[in-house]
PDB file of N, CA and C in Angstrom:
ATOM      1  N   UNK A   1      -4.719 -34.080 -27.556  1.00  0.00           N
ATOM      2  CA  UNK A   1      -3.623 -33.814 -26.654  1.00  0.00           C
ATOM      3  C   UNK A   1      -2.849 -35.115 -26.409  1.00  0.00           C
ATOM      4  N   UNK A   2      -1.588 -35.001 -26.161  1.00  0.00           N
ATOM      5  CA  UNK A   2      -0.757 -36.170 -25.890  1.00  0.00           C
ATOM      6  C   UNK A   2      -1.183 -36.811 -24.572  1.00  0.00           C
ATOM      7  N   UNK A   3      -1.031 -38.108 -24.468  1.00  0.00           N
ATOM      8  CA  UNK A   3      -1.555 -38.808 -23.293  1.00  0.00           C
ATOM      9  C   UNK A   3      -0.725 -38.584 -22.031  1.00  0.00           C
ATOM     10  N   UNK A   4       0.559 -38.260 -22.162  1.00  0.00           N
ATOM     11  CA  UNK A   4       1.385 -38.005 -20.982  1.00  0.00           C
ATOM     12  C   UNK A   4       2.259 -36.779 -21.220  1.00  0.00           C
ATOM     13  N   UNK A   5       2.737 -36.212 -20.141  1.00  0.00           N
ATOM     14  CA  UNK A   5       3.677 -35.101 -20.235  1.00  0.00           C
ATOM     15  C   UNK A   5       4.950 -35.556 -20.930  1.00  0.00           C
ATOM     16  N   UNK A   6       5.411 -36.748 -20.610  1.00  0.00           N
ATOM     17  CA  UNK A   6       6.613 -37.300 -21.243  1.00  0.00           C
ATOM     18  C   UNK A   6       6.408 -37.447 -22.750  1.00  0.00           C
ATOM     19  N   UNK A   7       5.273 -37.974 -23.144  1.00  0.00           N
ATOM     20  CA  UNK A   7       4.980 -38.125 -24.567  1.00  0.00           C
ATOM     21  C   UNK A   7       4.920 -36.790 -25.277  1.00  0.00           C
ATOM     22  N   UNK A   8       4.339 -35.805 -24.632  1.00  0.00           N
ATOM     23  CA  UNK A   8       4.248 -34.478 -25.220  1.00  0.00           C
ATOM     24  C   UNK A   8       5.651 -33.888 -25.391  1.00  0.00           C
ATOM     25  N   UNK A   9       6.480 -34.003 -24.355  1.00  0.00           N
ATOM     26  CA  UNK A   9       7.866 -33.496 -24.433  1.00  0.00           C
ATOM     27  C   UNK A   9       8.655 -34.237 -25.507  1.00  0.00           C
ATOM     28  N   UNK A  10       8.465 -35.539 -25.577  1.00  0.00           N
ATOM     29  CA  UNK A  10       9.185 -36.350 -26.569  1.00  0.00           C
ATOM     30  C   UNK A  10       8.824 -35.918 -27.989  1.00  0.00           C
ATOM     31  N   UNK A  11       7.549 -35.658 -28.240  1.00  0.00           N
ATOM     32  CA  UNK A  11       7.122 -35.205 -29.570  1.00  0.00           C
ATOM     33  C   UNK A  11       7.677 -33.824 -29.888  1.00  0.00           C
ATOM     34  N   UNK A  12       7.707 -32.953 -28.902  1.00  0.00           N
ATOM     35  CA  UNK A  12       8.132 -31.575 -29.126  1.00  0.00           C
ATOM     36  C   UNK A  12       9.645 -31.427 -29.246  1.00  0.00           C
ATOM     37  N   UNK A  13      10.392 -32.102 -28.361  1.00  0.00           N
ATOM     38  CA  UNK A  13      11.841 -31.895 -28.300  1.00  0.00           C
ATOM     39  C   UNK A  13      12.679 -33.077 -28.775  1.00  0.00           C
ATOM     40  N   UNK A  14      12.061 -34.229 -28.945  1.00  0.00           N
ATOM     41  CA  UNK A  14      12.816 -35.419 -29.303  1.00  0.00           C
ATOM     42  C   UNK A  14      13.326 -36.118 -28.045  1.00  0.00           C
ATOM     43  N   UNK A  15      13.943 -37.253 -28.249  1.00  0.00           N
ATOM     44  CA  UNK A  15      14.429 -38.056 -27.128  1.00  0.00           C
ATOM     45  C   UNK A  15      15.756 -38.675 -27.520  1.00  0.00           C
ATOM     46  N   UNK A  16      16.735 -38.482 -26.706  1.00  0.00           N
ATOM     47  CA  UNK A  16      18.072 -39.010 -26.967  1.00  0.00           C
ATOM     48  C   UNK A  16      18.098 -40.538 -26.906  1.00  0.00           C
ATOM     49  N   UNK A  17      17.147 -41.142 -26.213  1.00  0.00           N
ATOM     50  CA  UNK A  17      17.174 -42.585 -25.958  1.00  0.00           C
ATOM     51  C   UNK A  17      16.115 -43.381 -26.711  1.00  0.00           C
ATOM     52  N   UNK A  18      15.095 -42.710 -27.187  1.00  0.00           N
ATOM     53  CA  UNK A  18      14.018 -43.391 -27.903  1.00  0.00           C
ATOM     54  C   UNK A  18      13.673 -42.586 -29.151  1.00  0.00           C
ATOM     55  N   UNK A  19      13.167 -43.257 -30.169  1.00  0.00           N
ATOM     56  CA  UNK A  19      12.778 -42.502 -31.362  1.00  0.00           C
ATOM     57  C   UNK A  19      11.603 -41.577 -31.063  1.00  0.00           C
ATOM     58  N   UNK A  20      11.586 -40.462 -31.718  1.00  0.00           N
ATOM     59  CA  UNK A  20      10.467 -39.545 -31.587  1.00  0.00           C
ATOM     60  C   UNK A  20       9.277 -40.168 -32.302  1.00  0.00           C
ATOM     61  N   UNK A  21       8.170 -40.328 -31.607  1.00  0.00           N
ATOM     62  CA  UNK A  21       7.012 -40.964 -32.250  1.00  0.00           C
ATOM     63  C   UNK A  21       6.423 -40.078 -33.333  1.00  0.00           C
ATOM     64  N   UNK A  22       5.854 -40.724 -34.322  1.00  0.00           N
ATOM     65  CA  UNK A  22       5.126 -39.960 -35.333  1.00  0.00           C
ATOM     66  C   UNK A  22       3.847 -39.459 -34.683  1.00  0.00           C
ATOM     67  N   UNK A  23       3.539 -38.235 -34.980  1.00  0.00           N
ATOM     68  CA  UNK A  23       2.404 -37.630 -34.302  1.00  0.00           C
ATOM     69  C   UNK A  23       1.827 -36.539 -35.185  1.00  0.00           C
ATOM     70  N   UNK A  24       0.505 -36.451 -35.227  1.00  0.00           N
ATOM     71  CA  UNK A  24      -0.138 -35.423 -36.035  1.00  0.00           C
ATOM     72  C   UNK A  24      -0.766 -34.345 -35.157  1.00  0.00           C
ATOM     73  N   UNK A  25      -0.329 -34.286 -33.923  1.00  0.00           N
ATOM     74  CA  UNK A  25      -0.892 -33.309 -32.998  1.00  0.00           C
ATOM     75  C   UNK A  25      -0.124 -32.003 -33.018  1.00  0.00           C
ATOM     76  N   UNK A  26      -0.716 -31.004 -32.396  1.00  0.00           N
ATOM     77  CA  UNK A  26      -0.132 -29.667 -32.333  1.00  0.00           C
ATOM     78  C   UNK A  26       1.096 -29.673 -31.422  1.00  0.00           C
ATOM     79  N   UNK A  27       2.201 -29.157 -31.898  1.00  0.00           N
ATOM     80  CA  UNK A  27       3.444 -29.154 -31.136  1.00  0.00           C
ATOM     81  C   UNK A  27       3.905 -27.751 -30.786  1.00  0.00           C
ATOM     82  N   UNK A  28       2.997 -26.870 -30.561  1.00  0.00           N
ATOM     83  CA  UNK A  28       3.383 -25.523 -30.153  1.00  0.00           C
ATOM     84  C   UNK A  28       3.869 -25.564 -28.712  1.00  0.00           C
ATOM     85  N   UNK A  29       4.997 -24.936 -28.482  1.00  0.00           N
ATOM     86  CA  UNK A  29       5.665 -25.029 -27.186  1.00  0.00           C
ATOM     87  C   UNK A  29       4.798 -24.515 -26.038  1.00  0.00           C
ATOM     88  N   UNK A  30       4.018 -23.472 -26.265  1.00  0.00           N
ATOM     89  CA  UNK A  30       3.220 -22.937 -25.171  1.00  0.00           C
ATOM     90  C   UNK A  30       2.209 -23.954 -24.647  1.00  0.00           C
ATOM     91  N   UNK A  31       1.731 -24.858 -25.506  1.00  0.00           N
ATOM     92  CA  UNK A  31       0.803 -25.889 -25.041  1.00  0.00           C
ATOM     93  C   UNK A  31       1.503 -26.863 -24.092  1.00  0.00           C
ATOM     94  N   UNK A  32       2.747 -27.197 -24.410  1.00  0.00           N
ATOM     95  CA  UNK A  32       3.522 -28.057 -23.521  1.00  0.00           C
ATOM     96  C   UNK A  32       3.789 -27.349 -22.191  1.00  0.00           C
ATOM     97  N   UNK A  33       4.166 -26.078 -22.244  1.00  0.00           N
ATOM     98  CA  UNK A  33       4.461 -25.329 -21.014  1.00  0.00           C
ATOM     99  C   UNK A  33       3.214 -25.214 -20.143  1.00  0.00           C
ATOM    100  N   UNK A  34       2.064 -25.020 -20.761  1.00  0.00           N
ATOM    101  CA  UNK A  34       0.808 -25.013 -19.996  1.00  0.00           C
ATOM    102  C   UNK A  34       0.607 -26.341 -19.278  1.00  0.00           C
ATOM    103  N   UNK A  35       0.835 -27.399 -19.987  1.00  0.00           N
ATOM    104  CA  UNK A  35       0.655 -28.730 -19.393  1.00  0.00           C
ATOM    105  C   UNK A  35       1.663 -28.965 -18.271  1.00  0.00           C
ATOM    106  N   UNK A  36       2.897 -28.595 -18.494  1.00  0.00           N
ATOM    107  CA  UNK A  36       3.936 -28.722 -17.472  1.00  0.00           C
ATOM    108  C   UNK A  36       3.578 -27.911 -16.232  1.00  0.00           C
ATOM    109  N   UNK A  37       3.076 -26.715 -16.430  1.00  0.00           N
ATOM    110  CA  UNK A  37       2.742 -25.822 -15.318  1.00  0.00           C
ATOM    111  C   UNK A  37       1.757 -26.459 -14.348  1.00  0.00           C
ATOM    112  N   UNK A  38       0.830 -27.230 -14.844  1.00  0.00           N
ATOM    113  CA  UNK A  38      -0.204 -27.797 -13.991  1.00  0.00           C
ATOM    114  C   UNK A  38      -0.034 -29.297 -13.750  1.00  0.00           C
ATOM    115  N   UNK A  39       1.103 -29.846 -14.139  1.00  0.00           N
ATOM    116  CA  UNK A  39       1.363 -31.276 -13.931  1.00  0.00           C
ATOM    117  C   UNK A  39       1.693 -31.549 -12.472  1.00  0.00           C
ATOM    118  N   UNK A  40       1.378 -32.755 -12.053  1.00  0.00           N
ATOM    119  CA  UNK A  40       1.724 -33.183 -10.705  1.00  0.00           C
ATOM    120  C   UNK A  40       3.191 -33.570 -10.613  1.00  0.00           C
ATOM    121  N   UNK A  41       3.665 -33.652  -9.398  1.00  0.00           N
ATOM    122  CA  UNK A  41       5.079 -33.957  -9.146  1.00  0.00           C
ATOM    123  C   UNK A  41       5.504 -35.285  -9.766  1.00  0.00           C
ATOM    124  N   UNK A  42       4.672 -36.298  -9.648  1.00  0.00           N
ATOM    125  CA  UNK A  42       5.043 -37.610 -10.199  1.00  0.00           C
ATOM    126  C   UNK A  42       5.183 -37.566 -11.717  1.00  0.00           C
ATOM    127  N   UNK A  43       4.294 -36.822 -12.375  1.00  0.00           N
ATOM    128  CA  UNK A  43       4.349 -36.727 -13.836  1.00  0.00           C
ATOM    129  C   UNK A  43       5.585 -35.946 -14.294  1.00  0.00           C
ATOM    130  N   UNK A  44       5.907 -34.873 -13.574  1.00  0.00           N
ATOM    131  CA  UNK A  44       7.107 -34.098 -13.919  1.00  0.00           C
ATOM    132  C   UNK A  44       8.362 -34.936 -13.695  1.00  0.00           C
ATOM    133  N   UNK A  45       8.412 -35.607 -12.564  1.00  0.00           N
ATOM    134  CA  UNK A  45       9.576 -36.444 -12.258  1.00  0.00           C
ATOM    135  C   UNK A  45       9.724 -37.561 -13.296  1.00  0.00           C
ATOM    136  N   UNK A  46       8.638 -38.157 -13.710  1.00  0.00           N
ATOM    137  CA  UNK A  46       8.690 -39.215 -14.731  1.00  0.00           C
ATOM    138  C   UNK A  46       9.246 -38.675 -16.046  1.00  0.00           C
ATOM    139  N   UNK A  47       8.840 -37.478 -16.421  1.00  0.00           N
ATOM    140  CA  UNK A  47       9.352 -36.878 -17.661  1.00  0.00           C
ATOM    141  C   UNK A  47      10.860 -36.643 -17.557  1.00  0.00           C
ATOM    142  N   UNK A  48      11.303 -36.064 -16.453  1.00  0.00           N
ATOM    143  CA  UNK A  48      12.734 -35.812 -16.281  1.00  0.00           C
ATOM    144  C   UNK A  48      13.526 -37.114 -16.272  1.00  0.00           C
ATOM    145  N   UNK A  49      13.011 -38.137 -15.621  1.00  0.00           N
ATOM    146  CA  UNK A  49      13.701 -39.436 -15.559  1.00  0.00           C
ATOM    147  C   UNK A  49      13.785 -40.079 -16.948  1.00  0.00           C
ATOM    148  N   UNK A  50      12.710 -39.961 -17.712  1.00  0.00           N
ATOM    149  CA  UNK A  50      12.687 -40.590 -19.036  1.00  0.00           C
ATOM    150  C   UNK A  50      13.562 -39.847 -20.044  1.00  0.00           C
ATOM    151  N   UNK A  51      13.509 -38.522 -20.029  1.00  0.00           N
ATOM    152  CA  UNK A  51      14.178 -37.750 -21.063  1.00  0.00           C
ATOM    153  C   UNK A  51      15.569 -37.247 -20.666  1.00  0.00           C
ATOM    154  N   UNK A  52      15.870 -37.232 -19.380  1.00  0.00           N
ATOM    155  CA  UNK A  52      17.179 -36.747 -18.893  1.00  0.00           C
ATOM    156  C   UNK A  52      17.668 -37.649 -17.754  1.00  0.00           C
ATOM    157  N   UNK A  53      17.813 -38.938 -17.991  1.00  0.00           N
ATOM    158  CA  UNK A  53      18.121 -39.849 -16.883  1.00  0.00           C
ATOM    159  C   UNK A  53      19.477 -39.601 -16.212  1.00  0.00           C
ATOM    160  N   UNK A  54      20.403 -38.981 -16.902  1.00  0.00           N
ATOM    161  CA  UNK A  54      21.725 -38.735 -16.323  1.00  0.00           C
ATOM    162  C   UNK A  54      21.907 -37.264 -15.943  1.00  0.00           C
ATOM    163  N   UNK A  55      20.870 -36.474 -15.908  1.00  0.00           N
ATOM    164  CA  UNK A  55      20.849 -35.039 -15.628  1.00  0.00           C
ATOM    165  C   UNK A  55      21.582 -34.225 -16.701  1.00  0.00           C
ATOM    166  N   UNK A  56      22.728 -34.672 -17.168  1.00  0.00           N
ATOM    167  CA  UNK A  56      23.501 -33.906 -18.144  1.00  0.00           C
ATOM    168  C   UNK A  56      23.049 -34.145 -19.575  1.00  0.00           C
ATOM    169  N   UNK A  57      22.175 -35.085 -19.783  1.00  0.00           N
ATOM    170  CA  UNK A  57      21.808 -35.482 -21.135  1.00  0.00           C
ATOM    171  C   UNK A  57      20.397 -35.042 -21.486  1.00  0.00           C
ATOM    172  N   UNK A  58      19.960 -35.465 -22.624  1.00  0.00           N
ATOM    173  CA  UNK A  58      18.602 -35.200 -23.053  1.00  0.00           C
ATOM    174  C   UNK A  58      18.497 -33.990 -23.955  1.00  0.00           C
ATOM    175  N   UNK A  59      17.348 -33.887 -24.603  1.00  0.00           N
ATOM    176  CA  UNK A  59      17.107 -32.806 -25.553  1.00  0.00           C
ATOM    177  C   UNK A  59      16.203 -31.708 -25.005  1.00  0.00           C
ATOM    178  N   UNK A  60      15.788 -31.828 -23.750  1.00  0.00           N
ATOM    179  CA  UNK A  60      14.959 -30.757 -23.200  1.00  0.00           C
ATOM    180  C   UNK A  60      15.778 -29.474 -23.137  1.00  0.00           C
ATOM    181  N   UNK A  61      15.212 -28.367 -23.575  1.00  0.00           N
ATOM    182  CA  UNK A  61      15.941 -27.101 -23.433  1.00  0.00           C
ATOM    183  C   UNK A  61      16.205 -26.822 -21.949  1.00  0.00           C
ATOM    184  N   UNK A  62      17.302 -26.161 -21.678  1.00  0.00           N
ATOM    185  CA  UNK A  62      17.679 -25.890 -20.295  1.00  0.00           C
ATOM    186  C   UNK A  62      16.582 -25.122 -19.562  1.00  0.00           C
ATOM    187  N   UNK A  63      15.948 -24.180 -20.236  1.00  0.00           N
ATOM    188  CA  UNK A  63      14.920 -23.405 -19.540  1.00  0.00           C
ATOM    189  C   UNK A  63      13.713 -24.267 -19.186  1.00  0.00           C
ATOM    190  N   UNK A  64      13.403 -25.253 -20.004  1.00  0.00           N
ATOM    191  CA  UNK A  64      12.308 -26.178 -19.692  1.00  0.00           C
ATOM    192  C   UNK A  64      12.709 -27.064 -18.515  1.00  0.00           C
ATOM    193  N   UNK A  65      13.932 -27.536 -18.533  1.00  0.00           N
ATOM    194  CA  UNK A  65      14.428 -28.364 -17.431  1.00  0.00           C
ATOM    195  C   UNK A  65      14.396 -27.573 -16.116  1.00  0.00           C
ATOM    196  N   UNK A  66      14.873 -26.320 -16.157  1.00  0.00           N
ATOM    197  CA  UNK A  66      14.852 -25.490 -14.947  1.00  0.00           C
ATOM    198  C   UNK A  66      13.433 -25.272 -14.447  1.00  0.00           C
ATOM    199  N   UNK A  67      12.527 -24.986 -15.367  1.00  0.00           N
ATOM    200  CA  UNK A  67      11.132 -24.793 -14.992  1.00  0.00           C
ATOM    201  C   UNK A  67      10.553 -26.070 -14.389  1.00  0.00           C
ATOM    202  N   UNK A  68      10.851 -27.202 -14.983  1.00  0.00           N
ATOM    203  CA  UNK A  68      10.345 -28.479 -14.472  1.00  0.00           C
ATOM    204  C   UNK A  68      10.835 -28.722 -13.038  1.00  0.00           C
ATOM    205  N   UNK A  69      12.124 -28.497 -12.798  1.00  0.00           N
ATOM    206  CA  UNK A  69      12.630 -28.675 -11.432  1.00  0.00           C
ATOM    207  C   UNK A  69      12.005 -27.680 -10.473  1.00  0.00           C
ATOM    208  N   UNK A  70      11.823 -26.447 -10.909  1.00  0.00           N
ATOM    209  CA  UNK A  70      11.207 -25.441 -10.042  1.00  0.00           C
ATOM    210  C   UNK A  70       9.791 -25.855  -9.662  1.00  0.00           C
ATOM    211  N   UNK A  71       9.015 -26.290 -10.636  1.00  0.00           N
ATOM    212  CA  UNK A  71       7.646 -26.721 -10.358  1.00  0.00           C
ATOM    213  C   UNK A  71       7.632 -27.965  -9.476  1.00  0.00           C
ATOM    214  N   UNK A  72       8.550 -28.845  -9.700  1.00  0.00           N
ATOM    215  CA  UNK A  72       8.664 -30.058  -8.886  1.00  0.00           C
ATOM    216  C   UNK A  72       9.013 -29.714  -7.445  1.00  0.00           C
ATOM    217  N   UNK A  73       9.960 -28.799  -7.249  1.00  0.00           N
ATOM    218  CA  UNK A  73      10.358 -28.411  -5.894  1.00  0.00           C
ATOM    219  C   UNK A  73       9.265 -27.619  -5.174  1.00  0.00           C
ATOM    220  N   UNK A  74       8.444 -26.900  -5.907  1.00  0.00           N
ATOM    221  CA  UNK A  74       7.316 -26.226  -5.268  1.00  0.00           C
ATOM    222  C   UNK A  74       6.325 -27.248  -4.699  1.00  0.00           C
ATOM    223  N   UNK A  75       6.218 -28.391  -5.363  1.00  0.00           N
ATOM    224  CA  UNK A  75       5.302 -29.426  -4.897  1.00  0.00           C
ATOM    225  C   UNK A  75       5.934 -30.339  -3.848  1.00  0.00           C
ATOM    226  N   UNK A  76       7.248 -30.489  -3.903  1.00  0.00           N
ATOM    227  CA  UNK A  76       7.957 -31.369  -2.970  1.00  0.00           C
ATOM    228  C   UNK A  76       9.197 -30.646  -2.421  1.00  0.00           C
ATOM    229  N   UNK A  77       8.978 -29.645  -1.578  1.00  0.00           N
ATOM    230  CA  UNK A  77      10.088 -28.809  -1.124  1.00  0.00           C
ATOM    231  C   UNK A  77      10.996 -29.457  -0.084  1.00  0.00           C
ATOM    232  N   UNK A  78      10.591 -30.562   0.485  1.00  0.00           N
ATOM    233  CA  UNK A  78      11.343 -31.153   1.595  1.00  0.00           C
ATOM    234  C   UNK A  78      12.000 -32.489   1.258  1.00  0.00           C
ATOM    235  N   UNK A  79      12.344 -32.698  -0.010  1.00  0.00           N
ATOM    236  CA  UNK A  79      13.019 -33.932  -0.424  1.00  0.00           C
ATOM    237  C   UNK A  79      14.476 -33.627  -0.743  1.00  0.00           C
ATOM    238  N   UNK A  80      15.384 -33.959   0.188  1.00  0.00           N
ATOM    239  CA  UNK A  80      16.801 -33.633  -0.015  1.00  0.00           C
ATOM    240  C   UNK A  80      17.375 -34.174  -1.328  1.00  0.00           C
ATOM    241  N   UNK A  81      17.034 -35.387  -1.698  1.00  0.00           N
ATOM    242  CA  UNK A  81      17.579 -35.957  -2.936  1.00  0.00           C
ATOM    243  C   UNK A  81      17.124 -35.157  -4.152  1.00  0.00           C
ATOM    244  N   UNK A  82      15.889 -34.720  -4.145  1.00  0.00           N
ATOM    245  CA  UNK A  82      15.360 -33.914  -5.248  1.00  0.00           C
ATOM    246  C   UNK A  82      16.004 -32.523  -5.264  1.00  0.00           C
ATOM    247  N   UNK A  83      16.208 -31.933  -4.101  1.00  0.00           N
ATOM    248  CA  UNK A  83      16.900 -30.644  -4.022  1.00  0.00           C
ATOM    249  C   UNK A  83      18.305 -30.756  -4.611  1.00  0.00           C
ATOM    250  N   UNK A  84      18.998 -31.838  -4.283  1.00  0.00           N
ATOM    251  CA  UNK A  84      20.356 -32.039  -4.803  1.00  0.00           C
ATOM    252  C   UNK A  84      20.356 -32.270  -6.322  1.00  0.00           C
ATOM    253  N   UNK A  85      19.371 -33.002  -6.800  1.00  0.00           N
ATOM    254  CA  UNK A  85      19.262 -33.238  -8.249  1.00  0.00           C
ATOM    255  C   UNK A  85      19.022 -31.932  -8.999  1.00  0.00           C
ATOM    256  N   UNK A  86      18.138 -31.106  -8.467  1.00  0.00           N
ATOM    257  CA  UNK A  86      17.880 -29.805  -9.092  1.00  0.00           C
ATOM    258  C   UNK A  86      19.134 -28.937  -9.058  1.00  0.00           C
ATOM    259  N   UNK A  87      19.844 -28.963  -7.940  1.00  0.00           N
ATOM    260  CA  UNK A  87      21.096 -28.192  -7.835  1.00  0.00           C
ATOM    261  C   UNK A  87      22.119 -28.683  -8.848  1.00  0.00           C
ATOM    262  N   UNK A  88      22.243 -29.986  -8.989  1.00  0.00           N
ATOM    263  CA  UNK A  88      23.190 -30.550  -9.955  1.00  0.00           C
ATOM    264  C   UNK A  88      22.863 -30.082 -11.368  1.00  0.00           C
ATOM    265  N   UNK A  89      21.585 -30.075 -11.711  1.00  0.00           N
ATOM    266  CA  UNK A  89      21.176 -29.617 -13.033  1.00  0.00           C
ATOM    267  C   UNK A  89      21.552 -28.154 -13.229  1.00  0.00           C
ATOM    268  N   UNK A  90      21.344 -27.326 -12.219  1.00  0.00           N
ATOM    269  CA  UNK A  90      21.697 -25.917 -12.328  1.00  0.00           C
ATOM    270  C   UNK A  90      23.201 -25.728 -12.491  1.00  0.00           C
ATOM    271  N   UNK A  91      23.991 -26.474 -11.729  1.00  0.00           N
ATOM    272  CA  UNK A  91      25.447 -26.345 -11.842  1.00  0.00           C
ATOM    273  C   UNK A  91      25.946 -26.778 -13.220  1.00  0.00           C
ATOM    274  N   UNK A  92      25.299 -27.777 -13.792  1.00  0.00           N
ATOM    275  CA  UNK A  92      25.746 -28.289 -15.082  1.00  0.00           C
ATOM    276  C   UNK A  92      25.383 -27.399 -16.260  1.00  0.00           C
ATOM    277  N   UNK A  93      24.452 -26.508 -16.054  1.00  0.00           N
ATOM    278  CA  UNK A  93      23.957 -25.723 -17.185  1.00  0.00           C
ATOM    279  C   UNK A  93      24.205 -24.237 -17.027  1.00  0.00           C
ATOM    280  N   UNK A  94      25.341 -23.893 -16.497  1.00  0.00           N
ATOM    281  CA  UNK A  94      25.744 -22.494 -16.485  1.00  0.00           C
ATOM    282  C   UNK A  94      26.020 -21.935 -15.115  1.00  0.00           C
ATOM    283  N   UNK A  95      26.919 -21.004 -15.039  1.00  0.00           N
ATOM    284  CA  UNK A  95      27.267 -20.406 -13.749  1.00  0.00           C
ATOM    285  C   UNK A  95      26.239 -19.385 -13.258  1.00  0.00           C
ATOM    286  N   UNK A  96      25.314 -18.994 -14.099  1.00  0.00           N
ATOM    287  CA  UNK A  96      24.325 -17.988 -13.705  1.00  0.00           C
ATOM    288  C   UNK A  96      23.485 -18.418 -12.507  1.00  0.00           C
ATOM    289  N   UNK A  97      23.355 -19.716 -12.306  1.00  0.00           N
ATOM    290  CA  UNK A  97      22.471 -20.217 -11.263  1.00  0.00           C
ATOM    291  C   UNK A  97      23.234 -20.877 -10.116  1.00  0.00           C
ATOM    292  N   UNK A  98      24.550 -20.667 -10.046  1.00  0.00           N
ATOM    293  CA  UNK A  98      25.346 -21.311  -8.998  1.00  0.00           C
ATOM    294  C   UNK A  98      24.888 -20.939  -7.594  1.00  0.00           C
ATOM    295  N   UNK A  99      24.491 -19.688  -7.382  1.00  0.00           N
ATOM    296  CA  UNK A  99      24.030 -19.290  -6.051  1.00  0.00           C
ATOM    297  C   UNK A  99      22.736 -20.009  -5.677  1.00  0.00           C
ATOM    298  N   UNK A 100      21.869 -20.201  -6.640  1.00  0.00           N
ATOM    299  CA  UNK A 100      20.620 -20.937  -6.377  1.00  0.00           C
ATOM    300  C   UNK A 100      20.939 -22.401  -6.101  1.00  0.00           C
ATOM    301  N   UNK A 101      21.856 -22.972  -6.875  1.00  0.00           N
ATOM    302  CA  UNK A 101      22.260 -24.364  -6.655  1.00  0.00           C
ATOM    303  C   UNK A 101      22.869 -24.530  -5.268  1.00  0.00           C
ATOM    304  N   UNK A 102      23.686 -23.588  -4.850  1.00  0.00           N
ATOM    305  CA  UNK A 102      24.283 -23.654  -3.512  1.00  0.00           C
ATOM    306  C   UNK A 102      23.204 -23.572  -2.428  1.00  0.00           C
ATOM    307  N   UNK A 103      22.206 -22.722  -2.630  1.00  0.00           N
ATOM    308  CA  UNK A 103      21.107 -22.625  -1.667  1.00  0.00           C
ATOM    309  C   UNK A 103      20.309 -23.923  -1.595  1.00  0.00           C
ATOM    310  N   UNK A 104      20.068 -24.549  -2.735  1.00  0.00           N
ATOM    311  CA  UNK A 104      19.339 -25.823  -2.749  1.00  0.00           C
ATOM    312  C   UNK A 104      20.123 -26.901  -2.015  1.00  0.00           C
ATOM    313  N   UNK A 105      21.430 -26.932  -2.232  1.00  0.00           N
ATOM    314  CA  UNK A 105      22.279 -27.919  -1.559  1.00  0.00           C
ATOM    315  C   UNK A 105      22.297 -27.663  -0.056  1.00  0.00           C
ATOM    316  N   UNK A 106      22.399 -26.421   0.347  1.00  0.00           N
ATOM    317  CA  UNK A 106      22.385 -26.085   1.773  1.00  0.00           C
ATOM    318  C   UNK A 106      21.045 -26.477   2.406  1.00  0.00           C
ATOM    319  N   UNK A 107      19.960 -26.254   1.683  1.00  0.00           N
ATOM    320  CA  UNK A 107      18.642 -26.651   2.192  1.00  0.00           C
ATOM    321  C   UNK A 107      18.550 -28.162   2.344  1.00  0.00           C
ATOM    322  N   UNK A 108      19.107 -28.895   1.395  1.00  0.00           N
ATOM    323  CA  UNK A 108      19.123 -30.360   1.493  1.00  0.00           C
ATOM    324  C   UNK A 108      19.951 -30.798   2.703  1.00  0.00           C
ATOM    325  N   UNK A 109      21.104 -30.167   2.910  1.00  0.00           N
ATOM    326  CA  UNK A 109      21.948 -30.485   4.064  1.00  0.00           C
ATOM    327  C   UNK A 109      21.198 -30.238   5.375  1.00  0.00           C
ATOM    328  N   UNK A 110      20.506 -29.103   5.445  1.00  0.00           N
ATOM    329  CA  UNK A 110      19.744 -28.759   6.652  1.00  0.00           C
ATOM    330  C   UNK A 110      18.635 -29.769   6.908  1.00  0.00           C
ATOM    331  N   UNK A 111      17.891 -30.125   5.876  1.00  0.00           N
ATOM    332  CA  UNK A 111      16.814 -31.113   6.036  1.00  0.00           C
ATOM    333  C   UNK A 111      17.354 -32.458   6.505  1.00  0.00           C
ATOM    334  N   UNK A 112      18.467 -32.886   5.909  1.00  0.00           N
ATOM    335  CA  UNK A 112      19.058 -34.168   6.312  1.00  0.00           C
ATOM    336  C   UNK A 112      19.558 -34.121   7.751  1.00  0.00           C
ATOM    337  N   UNK A 113      20.154 -33.015   8.145  1.00  0.00           N
ATOM    338  CA  UNK A 113      20.637 -32.867   9.532  1.00  0.00           C
ATOM    339  C   UNK A 113      19.472 -32.892  10.504  1.00  0.00           C
ATOM    340  N   UNK A 114      18.396 -32.203  10.174  1.00  0.00           N
ATOM    341  CA  UNK A 114      17.212 -32.199  11.035  1.00  0.00           C
ATOM    342  C   UNK A 114      16.617 -33.598  11.169  1.00  0.00           C
ATOM    343  N   UNK A 115      16.571 -34.320  10.079  1.00  0.00           N
ATOM    344  CA  UNK A 115      16.025 -35.678  10.107  1.00  0.00           C
ATOM    345  C   UNK A 115      16.912 -36.627  10.911  1.00  0.00           C
ATOM    346  N   UNK A 116      18.216 -36.476  10.771  1.00  0.00           N
ATOM    347  CA  UNK A 116      19.105 -37.379  11.511  1.00  0.00           C
ATOM    348  C   UNK A 116      19.047 -37.091  13.016  1.00  0.00           C
ATOM    349  N   UNK A 117      18.811 -35.822  13.418  1.00  0.00           N
ATOM    350  CA  UNK A 117      18.679 -35.480  14.829  1.00  0.00           C
ATOM    351  C   UNK A 117      17.360 -36.000  15.399  1.00  0.00           C
ATOM    352  N   UNK A 118      16.333 -36.068  14.585  1.00  0.00           N
ATOM    353  CA  UNK A 118      15.025 -36.498  15.075  1.00  0.00           C
ATOM    354  C   UNK A 118      14.838 -38.014  15.063  1.00  0.00           C
ATOM    355  N   UNK A 119      15.737 -38.716  14.398  1.00  0.00           N
ATOM    356  CA  UNK A 119      15.627 -40.178  14.362  1.00  0.00           C
ATOM    357  C   UNK A 119      16.173 -40.766  15.666  1.00  0.00           C
ATOM    358  N   UNK A 120      15.532 -41.825  16.154  1.00  0.00           N
ATOM    359  CA  UNK A 120      15.992 -42.439  17.422  1.00  0.00           C
ATOM    360  C   UNK A 120      17.322 -43.158  17.271  1.00  0.00           C
TER     361      UNK A 120
END
């Protein structure tokens, strides 16, 4: 198995910024999705940062990117910056998810407003 989620994604989908490493391991997509499903928030975030640093770029399929953000938000539901990043990704990759992106942005706004009211 690949040593990191990022390495596994890089072998399977390639990387716009780094060469795809030579690898003799199994690259069946379901194995990557299994690994992504049970990855921790830090590992998922590291993969997204490495392979899609500008949100609009990278070779990850849109459905993998959406799944990664969904899994990340399930683990860290109260991070406004992360909610906004996920919303931005949804807006950039089709109008089908605009309502979800708007909800994520509204949730980020609400969290930030609550935090600013509670700060001294």
